[in-house]
């Protein structure tokens, strides 16, 4: 069984890997472009698995979990590069949503 990793630990693990195996971070603009590319790869899988598009032969070996992990990896890289504590950011994001959306979704007739 694999040990659970907190977001903070994940940020440290990625940073350690970059500094030992990866040599250095790609610059922020490059990592943003890589992030968009990875999101596109996940979107391609989703469109084929859950949407109307059919799988091509080259799509059959793709791994959705791996694509999600690629997205998380690059997002963590960007957070590390820009000094964002993702744990703190996530807590603040929950606070924002809890205030803004307190009744929004339960009152939405489309969701009932």
N, C-alpha and C. Protein backbone atom coordinates (compact mmCIF):
# COMPACT_ATOMS: atom_id res chain seq x y z
N UNK A 1 0.85 -1.18 0.00
CA UNK A 1 0.00 0.00 0.00
C UNK A 1 0.89 1.25 0.00
N UNK A 2 0.58 2.18 -0.87
CA UNK A 2 1.38 3.40 -0.97
C UNK A 2 0.97 4.40 0.10
N UNK A 3 1.97 5.12 0.57
CA UNK A 3 1.74 6.14 1.59
C UNK A 3 0.99 7.32 0.98
N UNK A 4 0.00 7.82 1.70
CA UNK A 4 -0.69 9.03 1.25
C UNK A 4 0.28 10.20 1.29
N UNK A 5 0.10 11.13 0.38
CA UNK A 5 0.96 12.30 0.29
C UNK A 5 0.08 13.54 0.40
N UNK A 6 0.44 14.43 1.29
CA UNK A 6 -0.28 15.70 1.38
C UNK A 6 0.11 16.58 0.19
N UNK A 7 -0.65 17.62 -0.02
CA UNK A 7 -0.32 18.54 -1.11
C UNK A 7 1.05 19.17 -0.85
N UNK A 8 1.30 19.55 0.39
CA UNK A 8 2.58 20.14 0.75
C UNK A 8 3.74 19.17 0.50
N UNK A 9 3.53 17.91 0.87
CA UNK A 9 4.56 16.90 0.61
C UNK A 9 4.77 16.71 -0.89
N UNK A 10 3.68 16.73 -1.65
CA UNK A 10 3.79 16.60 -3.11
C UNK A 10 4.60 17.75 -3.69
N UNK A 11 4.37 18.96 -3.19
CA UNK A 11 5.16 20.10 -3.67
C UNK A 11 6.64 19.88 -3.38
N UNK A 12 6.95 19.35 -2.22
CA UNK A 12 8.35 19.11 -1.86
C UNK A 12 8.94 17.96 -2.68
N UNK A 13 8.17 16.90 -2.89
CA UNK A 13 8.65 15.77 -3.69
C UNK A 13 8.97 16.19 -5.13
N UNK A 14 8.08 16.98 -5.72
CA UNK A 14 8.32 17.46 -7.09
C UNK A 14 9.55 18.35 -7.12
N UNK A 15 9.68 19.24 -6.16
CA UNK A 15 10.84 20.13 -6.11
C UNK A 15 12.13 19.32 -5.97
N UNK A 16 12.14 18.34 -5.09
CA UNK A 16 13.32 17.49 -4.92
C UNK A 16 13.66 16.75 -6.21
N UNK A 17 12.65 16.23 -6.89
CA UNK A 17 12.88 15.50 -8.14
C UNK A 17 13.46 16.43 -9.21
N UNK A 18 12.86 17.61 -9.33
CA UNK A 18 13.33 18.57 -10.33
C UNK A 18 14.80 18.89 -10.09
N UNK A 19 15.17 19.12 -8.85
CA UNK A 19 16.53 19.54 -8.52
C UNK A 19 17.56 18.41 -8.60
N UNK A 20 17.11 17.16 -8.59
CA UNK A 20 18.05 16.04 -8.65
C UNK A 20 18.04 15.32 -9.99
N UNK A 21 16.86 15.03 -10.51
CA UNK A 21 16.74 14.29 -11.76
C UNK A 21 16.45 15.23 -12.93
N UNK A 22 15.60 16.18 -12.71
CA UNK A 22 15.16 17.06 -13.79
C UNK A 22 16.11 18.19 -14.12
N UNK A 23 17.14 18.38 -13.35
CA UNK A 23 18.18 19.41 -13.51
C UNK A 23 17.67 20.78 -13.09
N UNK A 24 16.59 21.26 -13.71
CA UNK A 24 16.01 22.55 -13.35
C UNK A 24 14.58 22.59 -13.85
N UNK A 25 13.82 23.57 -13.33
CA UNK A 25 12.46 23.79 -13.82
C UNK A 25 12.52 24.39 -15.21
N UNK A 26 11.57 24.00 -16.08
CA UNK A 26 11.34 24.77 -17.29
C UNK A 26 10.81 26.12 -16.84
N UNK A 27 10.96 27.16 -17.67
CA UNK A 27 10.43 28.45 -17.22
C UNK A 27 8.92 28.42 -17.14
N UNK A 28 8.35 29.41 -16.48
CA UNK A 28 6.92 29.43 -16.19
C UNK A 28 6.06 29.41 -17.46
N UNK A 29 6.49 30.11 -18.48
CA UNK A 29 5.72 30.12 -19.72
C UNK A 29 5.73 28.75 -20.38
N UNK A 30 6.89 28.11 -20.40
CA UNK A 30 6.98 26.76 -20.96
C UNK A 30 6.10 25.80 -20.17
N UNK A 31 6.15 25.88 -18.84
CA UNK A 31 5.32 24.99 -18.03
C UNK A 31 3.84 25.28 -18.21
N UNK A 32 3.46 26.52 -18.44
CA UNK A 32 2.05 26.83 -18.71
C UNK A 32 1.62 26.18 -20.02
N UNK A 33 2.47 26.26 -21.03
CA UNK A 33 2.16 25.62 -22.31
C UNK A 33 2.08 24.10 -22.15
N UNK A 34 2.99 23.52 -21.37
CA UNK A 34 2.95 22.07 -21.12
C UNK A 34 1.67 21.70 -20.39
N UNK A 35 1.25 22.53 -19.42
CA UNK A 35 0.01 22.27 -18.69
C UNK A 35 -1.18 22.23 -19.65
N UNK A 36 -1.23 23.19 -20.57
CA UNK A 36 -2.34 23.22 -21.54
C UNK A 36 -2.30 21.97 -22.42
N UNK A 37 -1.10 21.55 -22.80
CA UNK A 37 -0.95 20.34 -23.61
C UNK A 37 -1.47 19.11 -22.85
N UNK A 38 -1.11 19.00 -21.58
CA UNK A 38 -1.56 17.87 -20.77
C UNK A 38 -3.07 17.89 -20.58
N UNK A 39 -3.64 19.05 -20.36
CA UNK A 39 -5.11 19.16 -20.23
C UNK A 39 -5.77 18.73 -21.54
N UNK A 40 -5.17 19.11 -22.65
CA UNK A 40 -5.69 18.69 -23.95
C UNK A 40 -5.67 17.18 -24.13
N UNK A 41 -4.61 16.54 -23.64
CA UNK A 41 -4.52 15.08 -23.72
C UNK A 41 -5.61 14.42 -22.90
N UNK A 42 -5.89 14.96 -21.72
CA UNK A 42 -6.98 14.43 -20.91
C UNK A 42 -8.32 14.68 -21.60
N UNK A 43 -8.50 15.85 -22.16
CA UNK A 43 -9.75 16.18 -22.86
C UNK A 43 -9.99 15.21 -24.01
N UNK A 44 -8.93 14.84 -24.70
CA UNK A 44 -9.06 13.88 -25.81
C UNK A 44 -9.58 12.54 -25.30
N UNK A 45 -9.03 12.07 -24.19
CA UNK A 45 -9.48 10.81 -23.60
C UNK A 45 -10.95 10.92 -23.16
N UNK A 46 -11.29 12.01 -22.49
CA UNK A 46 -12.66 12.19 -22.00
C UNK A 46 -13.66 12.24 -23.15
N UNK A 47 -13.29 12.92 -24.24
CA UNK A 47 -14.19 13.02 -25.39
C UNK A 47 -14.45 11.66 -26.01
N UNK A 48 -13.47 10.78 -25.93
CA UNK A 48 -13.63 9.46 -26.51
C UNK A 48 -14.31 8.49 -25.55
N UNK A 49 -13.96 8.57 -24.28
CA UNK A 49 -14.52 7.63 -23.30
C UNK A 49 -15.95 8.01 -22.90
N UNK A 50 -16.21 9.30 -22.71
CA UNK A 50 -17.52 9.73 -22.21
C UNK A 50 -18.32 10.54 -23.22
N UNK A 51 -17.68 10.98 -24.27
CA UNK A 51 -18.35 11.79 -25.29
C UNK A 51 -18.70 10.96 -26.51
N UNK A 52 -18.96 11.64 -27.59
CA UNK A 52 -19.40 10.99 -28.82
C UNK A 52 -18.27 10.56 -29.74
N UNK A 53 -17.05 11.02 -29.47
CA UNK A 53 -15.94 10.64 -30.35
C UNK A 53 -15.55 9.19 -30.14
N UNK A 54 -15.12 8.55 -31.21
CA UNK A 54 -14.69 7.15 -31.11
C UNK A 54 -13.17 7.11 -30.91
N UNK A 55 -12.71 6.04 -30.29
CA UNK A 55 -11.28 5.86 -30.08
C UNK A 55 -10.60 5.55 -31.40
N UNK A 56 -9.44 6.15 -31.60
CA UNK A 56 -8.57 5.79 -32.71
C UNK A 56 -7.63 4.72 -32.18
N UNK A 57 -7.01 4.00 -33.07
CA UNK A 57 -6.08 2.95 -32.65
C UNK A 57 -5.00 3.52 -31.73
N UNK A 58 -4.53 4.73 -32.03
CA UNK A 58 -3.46 5.35 -31.23
C UNK A 58 -3.95 5.79 -29.85
N UNK A 59 -5.27 5.87 -29.65
CA UNK A 59 -5.83 6.30 -28.36
C UNK A 59 -6.03 5.13 -27.40
N UNK A 60 -5.97 3.92 -27.89
CA UNK A 60 -6.38 2.77 -27.07
C UNK A 60 -5.43 2.48 -25.92
N UNK A 61 -4.20 2.94 -25.99
CA UNK A 61 -3.23 2.65 -24.94
C UNK A 61 -3.10 3.78 -23.93
N UNK A 62 -3.89 4.83 -24.06
CA UNK A 62 -3.77 5.97 -23.15
C UNK A 62 -4.32 5.62 -21.77
N UNK A 63 -3.77 6.29 -20.77
CA UNK A 63 -4.11 6.02 -19.39
C UNK A 63 -4.61 7.32 -18.77
N UNK A 64 -5.91 7.37 -18.47
CA UNK A 64 -6.52 8.59 -17.95
C UNK A 64 -5.88 9.02 -16.63
N UNK A 65 -5.61 8.09 -15.73
CA UNK A 65 -4.99 8.43 -14.45
C UNK A 65 -3.61 9.04 -14.65
N UNK A 66 -2.86 8.50 -15.58
CA UNK A 66 -1.53 9.04 -15.86
C UNK A 66 -1.61 10.45 -16.41
N UNK A 67 -2.59 10.70 -17.26
CA UNK A 67 -2.77 12.05 -17.81
C UNK A 67 -3.14 13.03 -16.69
N UNK A 68 -4.00 12.60 -15.76
CA UNK A 68 -4.34 13.47 -14.63
C UNK A 68 -3.12 13.73 -13.75
N UNK A 69 -2.30 12.71 -13.56
CA UNK A 69 -1.08 12.90 -12.77
C UNK A 69 -0.12 13.86 -13.47
N UNK A 70 -0.04 13.80 -14.80
CA UNK A 70 0.80 14.75 -15.55
C UNK A 70 0.34 16.18 -15.31
N UNK A 71 -0.98 16.38 -15.31
CA UNK A 71 -1.54 17.72 -15.07
C UNK A 71 -1.18 18.18 -13.67
N UNK A 72 -1.36 17.31 -12.69
CA UNK A 72 -1.04 17.65 -11.31
C UNK A 72 0.44 17.99 -11.17
N UNK A 73 1.30 17.20 -11.80
CA UNK A 73 2.76 17.42 -11.75
C UNK A 73 3.12 18.82 -12.24
N UNK A 74 2.61 19.18 -13.42
CA UNK A 74 2.97 20.48 -13.99
C UNK A 74 2.35 21.61 -13.18
N UNK A 75 1.15 21.42 -12.67
CA UNK A 75 0.53 22.44 -11.82
C UNK A 75 1.37 22.65 -10.56
N UNK A 76 1.86 21.57 -9.98
CA UNK A 76 2.73 21.68 -8.81
C UNK A 76 4.02 22.40 -9.17
N UNK A 77 4.58 22.10 -10.33
CA UNK A 77 5.78 22.82 -10.78
C UNK A 77 5.52 24.32 -10.83
N UNK A 78 4.40 24.70 -11.43
CA UNK A 78 4.07 26.12 -11.53
C UNK A 78 3.87 26.75 -10.16
N UNK A 79 3.24 26.03 -9.26
CA UNK A 79 3.06 26.55 -7.90
C UNK A 79 4.41 26.75 -7.23
N UNK A 80 5.28 25.77 -7.35
CA UNK A 80 6.62 25.89 -6.75
C UNK A 80 7.38 27.07 -7.33
N UNK A 81 7.31 27.24 -8.62
CA UNK A 81 8.05 28.32 -9.29
C UNK A 81 7.54 29.70 -8.91
N UNK A 82 6.27 29.80 -8.62
CA UNK A 82 5.67 31.10 -8.38
C UNK A 82 5.40 31.37 -6.90
N UNK A 83 5.85 30.45 -6.04
CA UNK A 83 5.72 30.66 -4.60
C UNK A 83 4.32 30.44 -4.06
N UNK A 84 3.52 29.64 -4.74
CA UNK A 84 2.15 29.38 -4.29
C UNK A 84 2.15 28.14 -3.40
N UNK A 85 1.61 28.29 -2.20
CA UNK A 85 1.38 27.17 -1.29
C UNK A 85 0.01 26.62 -1.65
N UNK A 86 -0.01 25.47 -2.32
CA UNK A 86 -1.28 24.94 -2.81
C UNK A 86 -2.23 24.52 -1.69
N UNK A 87 -1.70 24.11 -0.56
CA UNK A 87 -2.57 23.77 0.58
C UNK A 87 -3.33 25.00 1.03
N UNK A 88 -2.62 26.09 1.22
CA UNK A 88 -3.24 27.35 1.63
C UNK A 88 -4.21 27.85 0.55
N UNK A 89 -3.79 27.75 -0.70
CA UNK A 89 -4.65 28.20 -1.80
C UNK A 89 -5.94 27.40 -1.86
N UNK A 90 -5.86 26.09 -1.63
CA UNK A 90 -7.06 25.26 -1.66
C UNK A 90 -8.00 25.61 -0.51
N UNK A 91 -7.44 25.82 0.68
CA UNK A 91 -8.29 26.22 1.82
C UNK A 91 -9.00 27.55 1.54
N UNK A 92 -8.27 28.51 1.00
CA UNK A 92 -8.86 29.80 0.67
C UNK A 92 -9.92 29.67 -0.41
N UNK A 93 -9.70 28.75 -1.35
CA UNK A 93 -10.66 28.53 -2.42
C UNK A 93 -11.95 27.93 -1.88
N UNK A 94 -11.84 26.99 -0.93
CA UNK A 94 -13.03 26.45 -0.27
C UNK A 94 -13.79 27.56 0.46
N UNK A 95 -13.05 28.41 1.19
CA UNK A 95 -13.70 29.51 1.90
C UNK A 95 -14.48 30.39 0.94
N UNK A 96 -13.86 30.73 -0.19
CA UNK A 96 -14.51 31.57 -1.20
C UNK A 96 -15.78 30.91 -1.72
N UNK A 97 -15.68 29.63 -2.06
CA UNK A 97 -16.83 28.92 -2.60
C UNK A 97 -17.94 28.75 -1.56
N UNK A 98 -17.57 28.51 -0.32
CA UNK A 98 -18.58 28.35 0.74
C UNK A 98 -19.36 29.63 0.98
N UNK A 99 -18.72 30.76 0.80
CA UNK A 99 -19.41 32.05 0.96
C UNK A 99 -20.24 32.36 -0.29
N UNK A 100 -19.61 32.26 -1.43
CA UNK A 100 -20.25 32.63 -2.69
C UNK A 100 -21.39 31.68 -3.07
N UNK A 101 -21.22 30.41 -2.81
CA UNK A 101 -22.14 29.41 -3.33
C UNK A 101 -23.02 28.77 -2.27
N UNK A 102 -23.18 29.42 -1.12
CA UNK A 102 -23.91 28.83 0.00
C UNK A 102 -25.29 28.32 -0.41
N UNK A 103 -25.99 29.04 -1.25
CA UNK A 103 -27.32 28.61 -1.70
C UNK A 103 -27.39 28.40 -3.21
N UNK A 104 -26.38 28.82 -3.90
CA UNK A 104 -26.39 28.85 -5.37
C UNK A 104 -26.73 27.49 -5.98
N UNK A 105 -26.07 26.44 -5.55
CA UNK A 105 -26.26 25.15 -6.21
C UNK A 105 -27.52 24.41 -5.73
N UNK A 106 -27.82 24.51 -4.45
CA UNK A 106 -29.02 23.81 -3.97
C UNK A 106 -30.29 24.48 -4.48
N UNK A 107 -30.23 25.75 -4.86
CA UNK A 107 -31.38 26.45 -5.42
C UNK A 107 -31.44 26.37 -6.94
N UNK A 108 -30.47 25.71 -7.55
CA UNK A 108 -30.42 25.60 -9.00
C UNK A 108 -31.30 24.46 -9.45
N UNK A 109 -32.40 24.78 -10.10
CA UNK A 109 -33.38 23.78 -10.54
C UNK A 109 -32.77 22.78 -11.53
N UNK A 110 -31.76 23.19 -12.26
CA UNK A 110 -31.10 22.30 -13.22
C UNK A 110 -30.35 21.17 -12.53
N UNK A 111 -29.99 21.36 -11.28
CA UNK A 111 -29.22 20.35 -10.56
C UNK A 111 -30.09 19.39 -9.73
N UNK A 112 -31.38 19.67 -9.69
CA UNK A 112 -32.27 18.85 -8.87
C UNK A 112 -32.90 17.73 -9.66
